[in-house]
Amino acid sequence: MKDDHKNFVIFALLAAVILFGWPTIQHWIFPQQNPAPTVVEGGKTKVVPQPGADPAADSPQALRDRQIVLAESPRVQIETPALRGSINLKGARLDDLVLTKYDETVAKNSPPIRLLSPGGAAGGYFAQFGWQGAGVQAPGPNTVWQASGTKLTPTTPVTLTSTSQTGQIFRIELSVDQNYMFGIRQTVANVGTTPVSVTPYALLSRANRSTDADQWAAHVGPVAVANRAANYINWKDIESTPEQLATTGGWVGYSDHYWLTALVPDQKVPVQLQHRGTAAQAYQADYQLAQPLSLAPGKKVTYSSRFFAGAKEVKLLEHYEDDAGIVQFDRAIDWGWFGVIEQPIFYYLDWLFRLVGNFGVAIILLTLTIRALLFPIAQKQFASMASMRAIQPKMKALQERHKDDKQRQQQEIMKLYKQEKVNPLAGCLPMLLQIPIMFALYKVLLLTIEMRHQPFVAWIRDLSAPDPLTPLNLFGLLDFAPPSFLAIGVVPILLGVSMFFQMRLNPAPMDEMQKQIFSIMPWMLMFMMAPFAVGLQVYWITSNVVTILQQQWLYSKHPALKEPVKKEAKVK
């Protein structure tokens, strides 16, 4: 009775630590989950506004203010299959850009994602290109440039021109591809009578931090690649001390959860990358050449660079890295420690999705593939469990014989393992292998934009977000949304049920404390997994169902596992 009471106290403390400490652990270890794009209220699925994608997107007043600002200066329109916006001829700024392929929400009439906004409007965010120099009056932020055309498209580049009073002609030739990459050619022609020294630069100005959360496992904020190393920088760090990086090859910019802006200098010319900020949370990323360019009378010089403004599509980033030679451009996605697992999972999952057309089905097929690969290990696990089951009576007898000498008890048990050729850790291997796979899949679902707003069935409109349907409001019949920490969705409940039936098939442990832990574990996991992506829960449910079928078959091969444990046997 004393031991039973002690075990119960330990079990209760362990359960309390897991239930109440899990939110803190989850927030520290795992990236914050994407918010659910819908809720189910009054029996209907309602779209949840997602202002985080653009702080001013859902505000008519903000949109009206932006339109006023846009009308204050002459502009060149931008129109591509992926982008729409305009170039501000005052200051030669790219400050008006929306991503036409991506919407704010899953609603049919949702506005597209706005990435760039002009200074003076809500969410000011723009790129600017120019020169600094000695003996030259370079165009400034108030200079109004002359444009060679009225619209920038993939087939119609535009050249901006400005002539200085010191005798130099400045040109910026702008081009854009079918996706999100702008080509920038900055040219200075010295038509004066004296030599000048010029340094081309580019800057990104951002009036506010991103509304996406920056976490240790999913970086959001300033980013730079210098000397073939990715630097994920905290907002707060650059508010007090600028981050300066000298490099040849690399880039500098800002990474949101799904979106990226990046200044890409000539990859073969030494430059100084820089991030800086203010206490008022205004930020600037920029670069300039390490050495100025000397320009004699009658000569001209051209400097070529790029500017990326768009979605962090995995294959597109890798295309720019491989074909355009942009050093480590794929590091815009913070894969982290498990990148070696995450990227193959992404490619295989993406291939399955393109094959079947439904992302939920693709996750199920991925699960079946993983379980098939792990099946030989599962067979060894069951053989090990059968062996452990067979020696349980001998172990119990040893524990009773040496209950007052724990050290001797452990020595005798280890000796028994060696005699019977049993490895007690072999049964843990499949679970240990599943942990990095599940974490990798979790990050793939969370980080990659290819998974964003992908529906599955019925009410599940986004597999990268939690399940919005919960019995706490009678599955949406009551017109209210419960707090997130209580909103246990239907899919997490199915996960708990599948885990319950799976654990019922396992041999009952002899230790009472273990029995108690195993009996409540499915329902604890149900609460713990509820805030996670539905896609991850679909993976786990499918894995549990496969495990149940697999166990039924393996039990037929190892019937000893179903036999009740015999009472203590005498140990010689």
Protein backbone atom coordinates (compact mmCIF):
# COMPACT_ATOMS: atom_id res chain seq x y z
CA MET A 1 0.00 0.00 0.00
CA LYS A 2 2.84 2.35 0.82
CA ASP A 3 4.45 1.77 -2.58
CA ASP A 4 1.10 2.21 -4.34
CA HIS A 5 0.55 5.53 -2.56
CA LYS A 6 4.04 6.66 -3.47
CA ASN A 7 3.51 5.70 -7.11
CA PHE A 8 0.21 7.56 -7.22
CA VAL A 9 1.79 10.75 -5.84
CA ILE A 10 4.63 10.54 -8.37
CA PHE A 11 2.15 9.94 -11.16
CA ALA A 12 -0.03 12.88 -10.11
CA LEU A 13 2.96 15.20 -9.97
CA LEU A 14 4.16 14.03 -13.38
CA ALA A 15 0.72 14.54 -14.91
CA ALA A 16 0.48 18.04 -13.41
CA VAL A 17 3.90 19.00 -14.74
CA ILE A 18 3.00 17.81 -18.24
CA LEU A 19 -0.45 19.39 -18.34
CA PHE A 20 0.47 22.76 -16.86
CA GLY A 21 4.07 22.98 -18.02
CA TRP A 22 3.42 21.91 -21.59
CA PRO A 23 2.29 25.34 -22.89
CA THR A 24 5.59 26.86 -21.72
CA ILE A 25 7.62 23.99 -23.18
CA GLN A 26 5.68 24.13 -26.44
CA HIS A 27 6.19 27.88 -26.80
CA TRP A 28 9.94 27.52 -26.19
CA ILE A 29 10.65 24.41 -28.28
CA PHE A 30 8.11 24.64 -31.08
CA PRO A 31 7.32 27.57 -33.38
CA GLN A 32 3.96 29.17 -32.74
CA GLN A 33 1.33 27.52 -34.86
CA ASN A 34 -0.31 29.36 -37.72
CA PRO A 35 -3.66 30.79 -36.56
CA ALA A 36 -6.71 28.93 -37.79
CA PRO A 37 -8.08 30.70 -40.91
CA THR A 38 -11.66 29.78 -39.98
CA VAL A 39 -13.89 29.24 -36.97
CA VAL A 40 -17.13 27.29 -36.82
CA GLU A 41 -19.89 29.29 -35.13
CA GLY A 42 -23.65 29.02 -35.34
CA GLY A 43 -23.24 25.92 -37.47
CA LYS A 44 -21.36 27.87 -40.15
CA THR A 45 -17.71 28.14 -41.11
CA LYS A 46 -16.56 31.75 -40.84
CA VAL A 47 -13.32 33.17 -42.17
CA VAL A 48 -11.07 34.79 -39.57
CA PRO A 49 -9.42 38.06 -40.67
CA GLN A 50 -5.62 37.73 -40.80
CA PRO A 51 -4.32 41.29 -40.48
CA GLY A 52 -0.87 39.99 -39.63
CA ALA A 53 -0.12 39.59 -43.32
CA ASP A 54 -0.56 43.37 -43.73
CA PRO A 55 -1.33 45.58 -40.70
CA ALA A 56 -3.41 47.90 -42.86
CA ALA A 57 -5.03 45.36 -45.18
CA ASP A 58 -8.40 45.07 -43.42
CA SER A 59 -8.81 48.75 -42.67
CA PRO A 60 -10.67 50.88 -45.25
CA GLN A 61 -9.23 54.02 -43.68
CA ALA A 62 -5.69 52.71 -44.10
CA LEU A 63 -6.37 51.73 -47.69
CA ARG A 64 -7.77 55.18 -48.42
CA ASP A 65 -4.76 56.84 -46.83
CA ARG A 66 -2.42 54.69 -48.90
CA GLN A 67 -4.21 55.67 -52.09
CA ILE A 68 -3.76 59.33 -51.23
CA VAL A 69 -0.05 58.84 -50.68
CA LEU A 70 0.29 56.87 -53.91
CA ALA A 71 -1.37 59.69 -55.84
CA GLU A 72 1.04 62.35 -54.55
CA SER A 73 3.88 61.46 -56.95
CA PRO A 74 4.26 60.23 -60.56
CA ARG A 75 4.51 56.47 -60.92
CA VAL A 76 5.36 53.62 -63.26
CA GLN A 77 3.01 50.64 -63.03
CA ILE A 78 4.29 47.11 -62.28
CA GLU A 79 2.41 44.17 -63.75
CA THR A 80 3.61 40.55 -63.84
CA PRO A 81 1.92 37.15 -63.39
CA ALA A 82 2.88 37.28 -59.69
CA LEU A 83 3.06 41.01 -58.81
CA ARG A 84 1.08 44.21 -59.13
CA GLY A 85 2.05 47.68 -57.95
CA SER A 86 4.02 50.73 -58.95
CA ILE A 87 7.41 52.47 -58.79
CA ASN A 88 7.60 55.89 -57.18
CA LEU A 89 9.50 58.23 -59.55
CA LYS A 90 10.13 60.54 -56.62
CA GLY A 91 13.21 59.00 -55.05
CA ALA A 92 13.24 55.95 -57.42
CA ARG A 93 11.52 53.74 -54.87
CA LEU A 94 9.77 50.39 -55.19
CA ASP A 95 7.14 51.11 -52.56
CA ASP A 96 3.87 49.67 -53.81
CA LEU A 97 3.64 45.91 -54.29
CA VAL A 98 1.03 43.18 -53.80
CA LEU A 99 1.43 39.44 -54.40
CA THR A 100 -1.39 38.43 -56.74
CA LYS A 101 -1.04 34.67 -56.17
CA TYR A 102 -1.55 34.85 -52.39
CA ASP A 103 -4.57 36.13 -50.49
CA GLU A 104 -4.89 37.43 -46.95
CA THR A 105 -7.47 34.78 -45.97
CA VAL A 106 -9.25 31.76 -47.42
CA ALA A 107 -12.33 33.88 -48.22
CA LYS A 108 -13.20 34.12 -51.91
CA ASN A 109 -13.19 37.92 -51.89
CA SER A 110 -10.00 38.23 -49.81
CA PRO A 111 -7.54 40.95 -50.89
CA PRO A 112 -4.07 39.85 -52.02
CA ILE A 113 -1.06 40.05 -49.72
CA ARG A 114 0.44 43.53 -49.68
CA LEU A 115 4.20 43.45 -49.21
CA LEU A 116 5.40 47.02 -49.86
CA SER A 117 3.78 50.34 -48.96
CA PRO A 118 4.98 53.93 -49.48
CA GLY A 119 6.53 55.96 -46.71
CA GLY A 120 3.91 58.08 -44.99
CA ALA A 121 1.24 55.37 -45.28
CA ALA A 122 0.47 52.69 -42.73
CA GLY A 123 3.06 49.92 -42.82
CA GLY A 124 5.64 51.92 -44.82
CA TYR A 125 8.04 49.46 -46.43
CA PHE A 126 10.09 50.20 -49.57
CA ALA A 127 13.35 49.68 -51.48
CA GLN A 128 15.47 52.52 -52.82
CA PHE A 129 18.56 52.60 -55.06
CA GLY A 130 21.09 55.41 -55.42
CA TRP A 131 24.65 56.71 -55.17
CA GLN A 132 26.96 58.42 -52.78
CA GLY A 133 30.11 60.20 -53.89
CA ALA A 134 32.69 62.95 -53.62
CA GLY A 135 32.51 65.85 -56.04
CA VAL A 136 29.14 64.75 -57.32
CA GLN A 137 25.60 65.81 -56.58
CA ALA A 138 23.78 62.46 -56.59
CA PRO A 139 19.99 62.18 -56.86
CA GLY A 140 18.29 62.25 -53.46
CA PRO A 141 15.03 61.04 -51.97
CA ASN A 142 13.16 64.06 -53.39
CA THR A 143 14.56 63.78 -56.92
CA VAL A 144 11.86 63.12 -59.52
CA TRP A 145 13.20 60.76 -62.17
CA GLN A 146 12.20 60.57 -65.83
CA ALA A 147 10.90 57.18 -66.99
CA SER A 148 11.28 55.59 -70.42
CA GLY A 149 7.89 53.88 -70.17
CA THR A 150 4.67 53.74 -68.19
CA LYS A 151 4.62 50.06 -67.23
CA LEU A 152 7.23 47.56 -66.03
CA THR A 153 6.50 43.98 -67.15
CA PRO A 154 8.65 40.88 -67.78
CA THR A 155 8.88 41.91 -71.45
CA THR A 156 9.10 45.72 -71.07
CA PRO A 157 11.93 46.99 -68.86
CA VAL A 158 11.95 50.62 -67.77
CA THR A 159 14.89 53.04 -67.47
CA LEU A 160 14.83 55.92 -64.99
CA THR A 161 17.06 58.91 -65.74
CA SER A 162 18.26 61.92 -63.76
CA THR A 163 20.92 64.55 -64.61
CA SER A 164 22.85 66.28 -61.84
CA GLN A 165 24.07 69.86 -61.76
CA THR A 166 27.66 68.63 -61.42
CA GLY A 167 27.59 67.05 -64.88
CA GLN A 168 26.66 63.40 -64.33
CA ILE A 169 23.84 61.39 -65.86
CA PHE A 170 22.37 58.73 -63.60
CA ARG A 171 20.31 55.82 -64.91
CA ILE A 172 18.52 52.94 -63.22
CA GLU A 173 17.46 50.18 -65.61
CA LEU A 174 14.71 48.10 -64.03
CA SER A 175 13.58 44.68 -65.20
CA VAL A 176 11.46 41.95 -63.59
CA ASP A 177 10.97 38.24 -64.25
CA GLN A 178 7.81 36.13 -64.14
CA ASN A 179 8.11 35.71 -60.38
CA TYR A 180 9.52 38.08 -57.75
CA MET A 181 13.03 39.08 -58.84
CA PHE A 182 13.86 42.57 -60.07
CA GLY A 183 17.01 43.31 -62.00
CA ILE A 184 18.72 46.61 -61.14
CA ARG A 185 21.41 48.21 -63.37
CA GLN A 186 22.74 51.45 -61.94
CA THR A 187 24.78 53.52 -64.43
CA VAL A 188 26.65 56.79 -64.00
CA ALA A 189 27.99 58.68 -67.01
CA ASN A 190 30.43 61.49 -66.22
CA VAL A 191 29.86 64.23 -68.81
CA GLY A 192 31.61 66.81 -66.64
CA THR A 193 35.19 67.98 -66.84
CA THR A 194 36.58 66.59 -63.58
CA PRO A 195 36.92 63.03 -62.22
CA VAL A 196 34.39 61.91 -59.63
CA SER A 197 34.13 59.04 -57.18
CA VAL A 198 30.80 57.26 -56.78
CA THR A 199 29.52 54.39 -54.66
CA PRO A 200 26.24 52.68 -55.59
CA TYR A 201 24.02 51.58 -52.71
CA ALA A 202 20.61 50.03 -52.09
CA LEU A 203 18.42 50.17 -49.00
CA LEU A 204 15.28 48.65 -47.58
CA SER A 205 13.30 50.84 -45.18
CA ARG A 206 10.73 49.29 -42.88
CA ALA A 207 8.58 51.41 -40.57
CA ASN A 208 7.55 48.56 -38.25
CA ARG A 209 8.50 45.10 -37.13
CA SER A 210 6.78 42.18 -38.74
CA THR A 211 3.53 41.17 -37.07
CA ASP A 212 4.64 37.53 -37.37
CA ALA A 213 6.23 36.13 -34.21
CA ASP A 214 10.00 35.64 -34.19
CA GLN A 215 10.95 32.38 -32.45
CA TRP A 216 14.09 30.34 -32.02
CA ALA A 217 12.83 27.60 -34.35
CA ALA A 218 11.22 29.89 -36.96
CA HIS A 219 13.09 33.14 -37.53
CA VAL A 220 11.22 36.29 -38.47
CA GLY A 221 13.12 39.54 -38.82
CA PRO A 222 16.41 40.85 -40.22
CA VAL A 223 18.48 38.29 -42.11
CA ALA A 224 21.76 38.45 -43.99
CA VAL A 225 24.05 35.98 -45.72
CA ALA A 226 27.71 36.91 -45.49
CA ASN A 227 30.83 34.79 -46.05
CA ARG A 228 28.60 31.81 -46.90
CA ALA A 229 26.89 31.87 -43.49
CA ALA A 230 23.27 32.82 -42.73
CA ASN A 231 22.80 35.39 -39.97
CA TYR A 232 19.35 35.44 -38.36
CA ILE A 233 19.27 38.71 -36.44
CA ASN A 234 16.93 39.85 -33.67
CA TRP A 235 15.01 43.08 -34.10
CA LYS A 236 16.06 44.33 -30.69
CA ASP A 237 19.77 43.74 -31.26
CA ILE A 238 20.05 46.21 -34.14
CA GLU A 239 18.10 48.92 -32.31
CA SER A 240 21.15 49.61 -30.15
CA THR A 241 24.05 48.45 -32.32
CA PRO A 242 24.05 48.20 -36.14
CA GLU A 243 25.00 44.82 -37.58
CA GLN A 244 27.72 45.23 -40.22
CA LEU A 245 29.04 42.38 -42.34
CA ALA A 246 31.76 42.61 -44.98
CA THR A 247 31.42 39.96 -47.68
CA THR A 248 31.80 39.01 -51.31
CA GLY A 249 28.64 37.15 -52.25
CA GLY A 250 25.51 37.20 -50.12
CA TRP A 251 22.45 39.32 -49.53
CA VAL A 252 20.57 41.31 -46.88
CA GLY A 253 16.89 41.81 -46.15
CA TYR A 254 13.85 40.99 -44.02
CA SER A 255 12.16 37.64 -43.58
CA ASP A 256 8.53 37.36 -42.58
CA HIS A 257 6.88 34.02 -41.97
CA TYR A 258 6.12 33.46 -45.64
CA TRP A 259 7.44 36.59 -47.37
CA LEU A 260 10.89 37.93 -48.12
CA THR A 261 12.51 41.14 -49.30
CA ALA A 262 16.20 40.88 -50.15
CA LEU A 263 18.80 43.22 -51.61
CA VAL A 264 21.19 41.11 -53.66
CA PRO A 265 24.44 42.89 -54.61
CA ASP A 266 26.77 41.71 -57.36
CA GLN A 267 27.96 38.36 -56.01
CA LYS A 268 31.55 38.91 -57.20
CA VAL A 269 32.15 42.41 -55.81
CA PRO A 270 33.05 43.10 -52.14
CA VAL A 271 30.30 44.95 -50.26
CA GLN A 272 29.39 46.04 -46.75
CA LEU A 273 26.01 44.70 -45.60
CA GLN A 274 24.26 46.49 -42.76
CA HIS A 275 21.18 46.24 -40.54
CA ARG A 276 20.21 49.10 -38.27
CA GLY A 277 17.18 50.15 -36.25
CA THR A 278 15.84 52.70 -33.81
CA ALA A 279 14.09 52.53 -30.45
CA ALA A 280 10.94 53.64 -32.28
CA GLN A 281 11.14 50.34 -34.18
CA ALA A 282 12.03 51.74 -37.58
CA TYR A 283 14.53 49.61 -39.48
CA GLN A 284 16.82 49.77 -42.47
CA ALA A 285 18.80 47.12 -44.33
CA ASP A 286 21.35 48.32 -46.86
CA TYR A 287 24.60 47.65 -48.64
CA GLN A 288 27.26 49.69 -50.38
CA LEU A 289 30.43 48.81 -52.23
CA ALA A 290 33.55 48.30 -50.14
CA GLN A 291 35.52 50.56 -52.50
CA PRO A 292 34.17 53.59 -54.44
CA LEU A 293 34.29 53.62 -58.24
CA SER A 294 36.49 56.25 -59.90
CA LEU A 295 34.99 57.86 -62.96
CA ALA A 296 37.05 59.99 -65.35
CA PRO A 297 35.46 62.66 -67.60
CA GLY A 298 33.71 61.12 -70.58
CA LYS A 299 33.49 57.67 -68.96
CA LYS A 300 30.61 55.70 -67.49
CA VAL A 301 30.32 52.80 -65.06
CA THR A 302 27.53 50.28 -64.47
CA TYR A 303 26.76 48.24 -61.37
CA SER A 304 24.26 45.35 -61.52
CA SER A 305 22.28 43.96 -58.61
CA ARG A 306 18.93 42.32 -57.85
CA PHE A 307 15.99 42.87 -55.56
CA PHE A 308 13.67 40.07 -54.44
CA ALA A 309 10.20 40.85 -53.09
CA GLY A 310 7.81 37.95 -52.82
CA ALA A 311 6.91 34.56 -51.40
CA LYS A 312 9.46 32.15 -49.93
CA GLU A 313 8.69 29.32 -52.33
CA VAL A 314 11.23 26.55 -51.72
CA LYS A 315 11.96 25.57 -55.31
CA LEU A 316 12.01 29.18 -56.49
CA LEU A 317 14.58 30.19 -53.87
CA GLU A 318 16.73 27.23 -54.85
CA HIS A 319 16.35 28.18 -58.52
CA TYR A 320 17.75 31.65 -57.84
CA GLU A 321 20.58 30.14 -55.84
CA ASP A 322 21.53 27.61 -58.51
CA ASP A 323 20.81 29.48 -61.75
CA ALA A 324 21.39 33.08 -60.70
CA GLY A 325 24.30 32.27 -58.39
CA ILE A 326 22.86 33.98 -55.31
CA VAL A 327 24.82 32.58 -52.38
CA GLN A 328 22.66 30.52 -49.97
CA PHE A 329 19.42 32.13 -51.07
CA ASP A 330 17.52 29.07 -49.84
CA ARG A 331 18.55 30.00 -46.28
CA ALA A 332 15.76 32.57 -46.35
CA ILE A 333 13.80 29.62 -44.94
CA ASP A 334 15.09 28.82 -41.47
CA TRP A 335 15.11 25.02 -41.72
CA GLY A 336 17.13 24.73 -38.51
CA TRP A 337 18.85 21.62 -37.15
CA PHE A 338 16.54 19.11 -38.85
CA GLY A 339 16.90 20.57 -42.34
CA VAL A 340 18.51 17.35 -43.56
CA ILE A 341 15.20 15.59 -42.76
CA GLU A 342 12.80 18.46 -43.45
CA GLN A 343 13.84 19.13 -47.04
CA PRO A 344 13.45 15.52 -48.28
CA ILE A 345 10.08 15.35 -46.51
CA PHE A 346 9.04 18.60 -48.20
CA TYR A 347 10.04 17.43 -51.68
CA TYR A 348 8.35 14.07 -51.31
CA LEU A 349 5.21 15.62 -49.80
CA ASP A 350 5.10 18.27 -52.53
CA TRP A 351 5.47 15.55 -55.18
CA LEU A 352 2.64 13.54 -53.63
CA PHE A 353 0.44 16.63 -53.50
CA ARG A 354 0.99 17.33 -57.18
CA LEU A 355 0.22 13.68 -57.89
CA VAL A 356 -3.08 13.41 -55.96
CA GLY A 357 -4.21 17.04 -55.74
CA ASN A 358 -5.15 16.96 -52.04
CA PHE A 359 -2.65 17.80 -49.37
CA GLY A 360 -4.34 15.77 -46.65
CA VAL A 361 -4.25 12.68 -48.85
CA ALA A 362 -0.59 13.44 -49.59
CA ILE A 363 0.15 13.46 -45.84
CA ILE A 364 -1.60 10.10 -45.47
CA LEU A 365 0.49 8.66 -48.31
CA LEU A 366 3.63 10.12 -46.72
CA THR A 367 2.71 8.38 -43.45
CA LEU A 368 2.22 5.05 -45.18
CA THR A 369 5.61 5.45 -46.85
CA ILE A 370 7.36 6.20 -43.57
CA ARG A 371 5.68 3.32 -41.77
CA ALA A 372 6.64 0.95 -44.59
CA LEU A 373 10.27 2.05 -44.26
CA LEU A 374 10.14 1.57 -40.49
CA PHE A 375 8.39 -1.80 -40.65
CA PRO A 376 11.58 -3.91 -40.36
CA ILE A 377 12.49 -1.97 -37.22
CA ALA A 378 8.97 -2.52 -35.86
CA GLN A 379 9.40 -6.25 -36.34
CA LYS A 380 12.57 -6.16 -34.27
CA GLN A 381 10.75 -4.07 -31.67
CA PHE A 382 8.05 -6.71 -31.26
CA ALA A 383 10.61 -9.49 -31.08
CA SER A 384 12.34 -7.54 -28.33
CA MET A 385 9.02 -6.97 -26.55
CA ALA A 386 8.30 -10.70 -26.73
CA SER A 387 11.68 -11.48 -25.21
CA MET A 388 11.17 -8.91 -22.45
CA ARG A 389 7.74 -10.34 -21.78
CA ALA A 390 9.20 -13.84 -21.42
CA ILE A 391 11.73 -12.80 -18.76
CA GLN A 392 9.31 -10.66 -16.73
CA PRO A 393 8.79 -13.36 -14.04
CA LYS A 394 12.54 -13.72 -13.57
CA MET A 395 12.96 -9.94 -13.35
CA LYS A 396 10.20 -9.69 -10.74
CA ALA A 397 11.86 -12.43 -8.68
CA LEU A 398 15.20 -10.60 -8.83
CA GLN A 399 13.57 -7.37 -7.74
CA GLU A 400 12.00 -9.07 -4.75
CA ARG A 401 15.19 -10.94 -3.80
CA HIS A 402 17.35 -7.79 -3.88
CA LYS A 403 14.80 -5.17 -2.93
CA ASP A 404 17.03 -3.88 -0.14
CA ASP A 405 20.13 -3.62 -2.36
CA LYS A 406 19.29 -1.56 -5.43
CA GLN A 407 22.82 -1.68 -6.82
CA ARG A 408 22.93 -5.48 -6.65
CA GLN A 409 19.44 -5.60 -8.11
CA GLN A 410 20.52 -3.64 -11.16
CA GLN A 411 23.62 -5.76 -11.60
CA GLU A 412 21.58 -8.96 -11.53
CA ILE A 413 19.01 -7.59 -13.96
CA MET A 414 21.75 -6.56 -16.40
CA LYS A 415 23.24 -10.03 -16.05
CA LEU A 416 19.82 -11.49 -16.85
CA TYR A 417 19.55 -9.33 -19.99
CA LYS A 418 22.95 -10.60 -21.11
CA GLN A 419 22.10 -14.24 -20.43
CA GLU A 420 18.77 -14.04 -22.27
CA LYS A 421 20.24 -11.85 -25.07
CA VAL A 422 17.61 -9.15 -24.55
CA ASN A 423 18.03 -5.43 -25.26
CA PRO A 424 15.50 -3.42 -23.19
CA LEU A 425 16.06 -0.31 -25.35
CA ALA A 426 15.27 -2.01 -28.66
CA GLY A 427 11.55 -1.38 -28.24
CA CYS A 428 12.15 2.38 -27.99
CA LEU A 429 13.93 2.70 -31.33
CA PRO A 430 10.84 3.17 -33.58
CA MET A 431 9.53 5.91 -31.27
CA LEU A 432 12.94 7.62 -31.19
CA LEU A 433 13.05 7.58 -34.98
CA GLN A 434 9.53 9.02 -35.16
CA ILE A 435 10.40 12.06 -33.03
CA PRO A 436 12.71 13.82 -35.55
CA ILE A 437 10.37 12.82 -38.39
CA MET A 438 7.35 14.36 -36.63
CA PHE A 439 9.25 17.52 -35.71
CA ALA A 440 10.53 17.81 -39.30
CA LEU A 441 7.01 17.37 -40.68
CA TYR A 442 5.74 19.94 -38.17
CA LYS A 443 8.25 22.52 -39.40
CA VAL A 444 7.54 21.68 -43.03
CA LEU A 445 3.82 22.28 -42.46
CA LEU A 446 4.53 25.47 -40.55
CA LEU A 447 7.35 27.12 -42.53
CA THR A 448 6.76 26.37 -46.18
CA ILE A 449 4.27 28.52 -48.03
CA GLU A 450 3.34 25.57 -50.25
CA MET A 451 1.32 24.26 -47.28
CA ARG A 452 -0.40 27.58 -46.51
CA HIS A 453 -4.20 27.54 -46.83
CA GLN A 454 -4.24 23.97 -48.18
CA PRO A 455 -7.66 22.37 -47.50
CA PHE A 456 -8.35 18.72 -46.67
CA VAL A 457 -12.02 17.80 -46.23
CA ALA A 458 -15.20 19.48 -44.96
CA TRP A 459 -14.39 22.20 -42.41
CA ILE A 460 -10.60 21.80 -42.59
CA ARG A 461 -9.59 24.75 -44.77
CA ASP A 462 -5.92 24.94 -43.77
CA LEU A 463 -3.83 21.90 -42.85
CA SER A 464 -1.06 24.12 -41.47
CA ALA A 465 -3.39 25.50 -38.76
CA PRO A 466 -5.23 23.95 -35.77
CA ASP A 467 -8.63 22.28 -36.12
CA PRO A 468 -11.34 24.98 -35.73
CA LEU A 469 -14.22 22.57 -34.99
CA THR A 470 -14.67 21.84 -31.27
CA PRO A 471 -17.38 20.17 -29.16
CA LEU A 472 -17.11 23.00 -26.59
CA ASN A 473 -19.50 25.03 -28.77
CA LEU A 474 -21.41 21.89 -29.83
CA PHE A 475 -19.35 21.65 -33.03
CA GLY A 476 -20.22 25.16 -34.10
CA LEU A 477 -23.93 25.10 -33.29
CA LEU A 478 -23.43 27.61 -30.47
CA ASP A 479 -22.45 31.06 -31.66
CA PHE A 480 -19.16 31.52 -29.80
CA ALA A 481 -15.51 30.56 -30.13
CA PRO A 482 -13.95 29.00 -26.99
CA PRO A 483 -10.49 30.10 -25.76
CA SER A 484 -7.66 28.55 -27.75
CA PHE A 485 -6.27 26.58 -24.78
CA LEU A 486 -9.64 24.82 -24.38
CA ALA A 487 -10.54 24.47 -28.05
CA ILE A 488 -9.98 20.74 -28.46
CA GLY A 489 -10.94 20.06 -32.06
CA VAL A 490 -12.49 16.98 -33.62
CA VAL A 491 -9.21 15.86 -35.18
CA PRO A 492 -7.30 15.97 -31.85
CA ILE A 493 -10.12 13.93 -30.30
CA LEU A 494 -9.72 11.35 -33.06
CA LEU A 495 -6.01 11.37 -32.30
CA GLY A 496 -6.68 10.62 -28.64
CA VAL A 497 -9.09 7.81 -29.53
CA SER A 498 -6.64 6.24 -31.98
CA MET A 499 -3.87 6.45 -29.39
CA PHE A 500 -6.16 4.87 -26.77
CA PHE A 501 -6.90 1.83 -28.95
CA GLN A 502 -3.27 1.52 -29.95
CA MET A 503 -2.13 1.47 -26.33
CA ARG A 504 -4.80 -1.09 -25.42
CA LEU A 505 -3.11 -3.50 -27.79
CA ASN A 506 0.20 -3.16 -25.98
CA PRO A 507 1.01 -5.63 -23.21
CA ALA A 508 -0.06 -4.23 -19.85
CA PRO A 509 2.98 -3.25 -17.79
CA MET A 510 3.45 -4.93 -14.44
CA ASP A 511 4.26 -1.70 -12.61
CA GLU A 512 1.14 0.10 -11.35
CA MET A 513 2.58 3.55 -11.95
CA GLN A 514 3.31 2.67 -15.58
CA LYS A 515 -0.24 1.39 -15.97
CA GLN A 516 -1.62 4.68 -14.69
CA ILE A 517 0.61 6.72 -16.97
CA PHE A 518 -0.30 4.66 -20.04
CA SER A 519 -4.02 4.85 -19.25
CA ILE A 520 -4.10 8.64 -19.21
CA MET A 521 -1.41 9.33 -21.82
CA PRO A 522 -3.76 9.26 -24.88
CA TRP A 523 -5.94 11.99 -23.39
CA MET A 524 -2.95 14.07 -22.28
CA LEU A 525 -1.57 13.82 -25.82
CA MET A 526 -4.97 14.91 -27.12
CA PHE A 527 -4.70 18.20 -25.19
CA MET A 528 -1.04 18.63 -25.99
CA MET A 529 -1.53 18.16 -29.74
CA ALA A 530 -4.71 20.25 -30.07
CA PRO A 531 -2.90 23.55 -30.86
CA PHE A 532 -0.74 21.91 -33.55
CA ALA A 533 -1.34 21.80 -37.29
CA VAL A 534 -4.15 19.52 -38.43
CA GLY A 535 -1.74 18.09 -40.99
CA LEU A 536 0.53 16.83 -38.22
CA GLN A 537 -2.44 15.28 -36.42
CA VAL A 538 -3.55 13.59 -39.66
CA TYR A 539 -0.05 12.12 -39.88
CA TRP A 540 -0.20 10.82 -36.30
CA ILE A 541 -3.74 9.40 -36.61
CA THR A 542 -2.79 7.57 -39.80
CA SER A 543 0.36 6.30 -38.11
CA ASN A 544 -1.70 5.03 -35.16
CA VAL A 545 -4.18 3.22 -37.40
CA VAL A 546 -1.32 1.60 -39.31
CA THR A 547 0.30 0.65 -36.00
CA ILE A 548 -2.93 -1.02 -34.80
CA LEU A 549 -3.14 -3.11 -37.97
CA GLN A 550 0.57 -3.85 -37.79
CA GLN A 551 0.33 -4.91 -34.16
CA GLN A 552 -2.54 -7.25 -34.89
CA TRP A 553 -0.41 -8.97 -37.52
CA LEU A 554 2.74 -9.04 -35.40
CA TYR A 555 0.85 -10.45 -32.41
CA SER A 556 -0.03 -13.38 -34.62
CA LYS A 557 3.71 -13.86 -35.14
CA HIS A 558 4.58 -13.39 -31.44
CA PRO A 559 1.66 -14.92 -29.48
CA ALA A 560 3.73 -14.84 -26.28
CA LEU A 561 3.02 -11.13 -26.05
CA LYS A 562 -0.69 -11.79 -25.46
CA GLU A 563 -0.18 -14.35 -22.77
CA PRO A 564 -0.62 -13.11 -19.20
CA VAL A 565 2.57 -12.68 -17.26
CA LYS A 566 3.20 -15.65 -15.01
CA LYS A 567 3.83 -15.24 -11.37
CA GLU A 568 7.32 -14.93 -10.00
CA ALA A 569 9.65 -17.72 -10.98
CA LYS A 570 12.52 -18.88 -8.88
CA VAL A 571 15.89 -17.57 -9.96
CA LYS A 572 18.90 -19.75 -9.42
